Amino acid sequence: MSLKPLTPQQRLARGLKYTAVGPVDVTRGVVGVGVDSAQATAAELRRRYRKGQLRRQLAVAQQTLVGELVAAQEAVSALPQTIQNARDGGRRRKRLLALGVGAGVLAVGAVTFSIVRRSMKPEPSPLPPSVEVTPKP
């Protein structure tokens, strides 16, 4: 198969076509790279924000837990004196003491449960799942 030489009109048309298409392709490529870069930057910023938010939540939870543990330690250290006072004071004081200790234990348990539950939640991945979620039968 032999190639015929291009006529001047064909040569001119081909040159104009590639001259016009070239800058359009370059522009589209530059815009596409810019969009991809912006999306990657936004994803990284979201990840850093979530990580910082989790760090702040853990710090608050630790402070709360430390406060509750200090309160529980104070209650336990004051327990012998409280028991002695309750023995001297009668039944009503015993009930109040038991109620106070029970409320303290409940509060510490609730805070501990809240902290453990919050820390057990996995951080959602920004990536799509690598395995099909619904298997085919």
Protein backbone atom coordinates (compact mmCIF):
# COMPACT_ATOMS: atom_id res chain seq x y z
CA MET A 1 0.00 0.00 0.00
CA SER A 2 1.61 3.21 -1.06
CA LEU A 3 0.90 6.52 0.58
CA LYS A 4 -0.11 9.37 -1.63
CA PRO A 5 1.58 12.63 -0.92
CA LEU A 6 -0.68 15.16 0.77
CA THR A 7 -2.06 17.96 -1.25
CA PRO A 8 -1.32 21.46 -0.03
CA GLN A 9 -4.95 21.84 1.11
CA GLN A 10 -4.77 18.59 3.11
CA ARG A 11 -1.41 19.57 4.60
CA LEU A 12 -2.81 22.99 5.61
CA ALA A 13 -5.96 21.43 7.14
CA ARG A 14 -3.89 18.89 9.14
CA GLY A 15 -1.52 21.58 10.42
CA LEU A 16 -4.38 23.83 11.54
CA LYS A 17 -6.16 20.91 13.23
CA TYR A 18 -3.15 19.96 15.34
CA THR A 19 -2.30 23.59 16.00
CA ALA A 20 -5.79 24.16 17.41
CA VAL A 21 -6.05 20.86 19.28
CA GLY A 22 -2.61 21.04 20.94
CA PRO A 23 -3.24 24.04 23.23
CA VAL A 24 -6.70 22.71 24.11
CA ASP A 25 -5.20 19.39 25.23
CA VAL A 26 -2.49 21.16 27.22
CA THR A 27 -5.09 23.38 28.92
CA ARG A 28 -7.32 20.41 29.73
CA GLY A 29 -4.33 18.53 31.14
CA VAL A 30 -3.27 21.46 33.34
CA VAL A 31 -6.83 21.93 34.64
CA GLY A 32 -7.14 18.19 35.33
CA VAL A 33 -3.87 18.09 37.28
CA GLY A 34 -4.99 21.15 39.26
CA VAL A 35 -8.34 19.56 40.13
CA ASP A 36 -6.67 16.31 41.19
CA SER A 37 -4.22 18.24 43.36
CA ALA A 38 -7.03 20.24 44.97
CA GLN A 39 -8.98 17.05 45.74
CA ALA A 40 -5.92 15.41 47.29
CA THR A 41 -5.23 18.50 49.39
CA ALA A 42 -8.86 18.64 50.58
CA ALA A 43 -8.77 14.95 51.53
CA GLU A 44 -5.56 15.46 53.50
CA LEU A 45 -7.01 18.50 55.29
CA ARG A 46 -10.15 16.51 56.20
CA ARG A 47 -7.97 13.69 57.54
CA ARG A 48 -5.88 16.09 59.62
CA TYR A 49 -9.02 17.80 60.95
CA ARG A 50 -10.53 14.48 62.02
CA LYS A 51 -7.27 13.40 63.61
CA GLY A 52 -7.04 16.69 65.55
CA GLN A 53 -10.67 16.43 66.59
CA LEU A 54 -10.11 12.89 67.88
CA ARG A 55 -7.01 14.06 69.76
CA ARG A 56 -9.03 16.83 71.44
CA GLN A 57 -11.82 14.40 72.37
CA LEU A 58 -9.32 11.98 73.89
CA ALA A 59 -7.71 14.80 75.88
CA VAL A 60 -11.10 15.84 77.28
CA ALA A 61 -11.92 12.22 78.10
CA GLN A 62 -8.58 11.79 79.87
CA GLN A 63 -9.14 14.94 81.92
CA THR A 64 -12.62 13.75 82.87
CA LEU A 65 -11.31 10.32 83.81
CA VAL A 66 -8.51 11.82 85.91
CA GLY A 67 -11.04 14.02 87.72
CA GLU A 68 -13.31 11.07 88.40
CA LEU A 69 -10.41 8.93 89.61
CA VAL A 70 -9.24 11.70 91.96
CA ALA A 71 -12.78 12.03 93.32
CA ALA A 72 -13.03 8.25 93.77
CA GLN A 73 -9.63 8.15 95.48
CA GLU A 74 -10.69 10.91 97.88
CA ALA A 75 -13.92 9.08 98.61
CA VAL A 76 -12.06 5.82 99.28
CA SER A 77 -9.46 7.52 101.48
CA ALA A 78 -12.23 9.21 103.49
CA LEU A 79 -14.21 5.99 103.72
CA PRO A 80 -12.89 4.84 107.16
CA GLN A 81 -13.75 8.19 108.72
CA THR A 82 -17.12 8.21 107.00
CA ILE A 83 -17.84 4.70 108.23
CA GLN A 84 -16.90 5.71 111.76
CA ASN A 85 -19.15 8.76 111.55
CA ALA A 86 -21.96 6.63 110.17
CA ARG A 87 -21.66 4.16 113.05
CA ASP A 88 -21.93 7.02 115.47
CA GLY A 89 -24.77 8.72 113.60
CA GLY A 90 -27.21 5.85 113.19
CA ARG A 91 -29.16 4.30 110.32
CA ARG A 92 -29.98 7.43 108.40
CA ARG A 93 -26.32 8.29 107.95
CA LYS A 94 -25.58 4.74 106.84
CA ARG A 95 -28.22 5.00 104.15
CA LEU A 96 -26.89 8.36 103.01
CA LEU A 97 -23.36 7.00 102.92
CA ALA A 98 -24.42 3.94 100.94
CA LEU A 99 -26.37 6.17 98.59
CA GLY A 100 -23.39 8.50 98.12
CA VAL A 101 -20.96 5.63 97.51
CA GLY A 102 -23.40 4.01 95.10
CA ALA A 103 -23.86 7.28 93.20
CA GLY A 104 -20.08 7.74 93.03
CA VAL A 105 -19.54 4.22 91.73
CA LEU A 106 -22.31 4.75 89.17
CA ALA A 107 -20.78 8.05 88.03
CA VAL A 108 -17.32 6.52 87.64
CA GLY A 109 -18.81 3.57 85.76
CA ALA A 110 -20.79 5.82 83.45
CA VAL A 111 -17.78 7.97 82.63
CA THR A 112 -15.60 4.91 82.07
CA PHE A 113 -18.24 3.33 79.84
CA SER A 114 -18.58 6.56 77.86
CA ILE A 115 -14.83 6.85 77.35
CA VAL A 116 -14.40 3.21 76.36
CA ARG A 117 -17.37 3.37 73.98
CA ARG A 118 -16.12 6.56 72.35
CA SER A 119 -12.61 5.18 71.89
CA MET A 120 -13.93 1.93 70.37
CA LYS A 121 -15.61 3.66 67.43
CA PRO A 122 -13.43 3.15 64.36
CA GLU A 123 -12.61 6.18 62.27
CA PRO A 124 -14.34 5.86 58.90
CA SER A 125 -11.94 5.40 56.03
CA PRO A 126 -12.07 7.97 53.22
CA LEU A 127 -11.15 5.17 50.80
CA PRO A 128 -13.74 2.95 49.13
CA PRO A 129 -13.86 -0.67 50.35
CA SER A 130 -11.30 -2.94 48.69
CA VAL A 131 -13.60 -5.96 48.94
CA GLU A 132 -17.18 -6.19 47.73
CA VAL A 133 -19.54 -5.43 50.58
CA THR A 134 -22.28 -7.77 49.34
CA PRO A 135 -20.88 -11.09 48.14
CA LYS A 136 -22.37 -12.65 45.03
CA PRO A 137 -24.25 -15.93 45.58
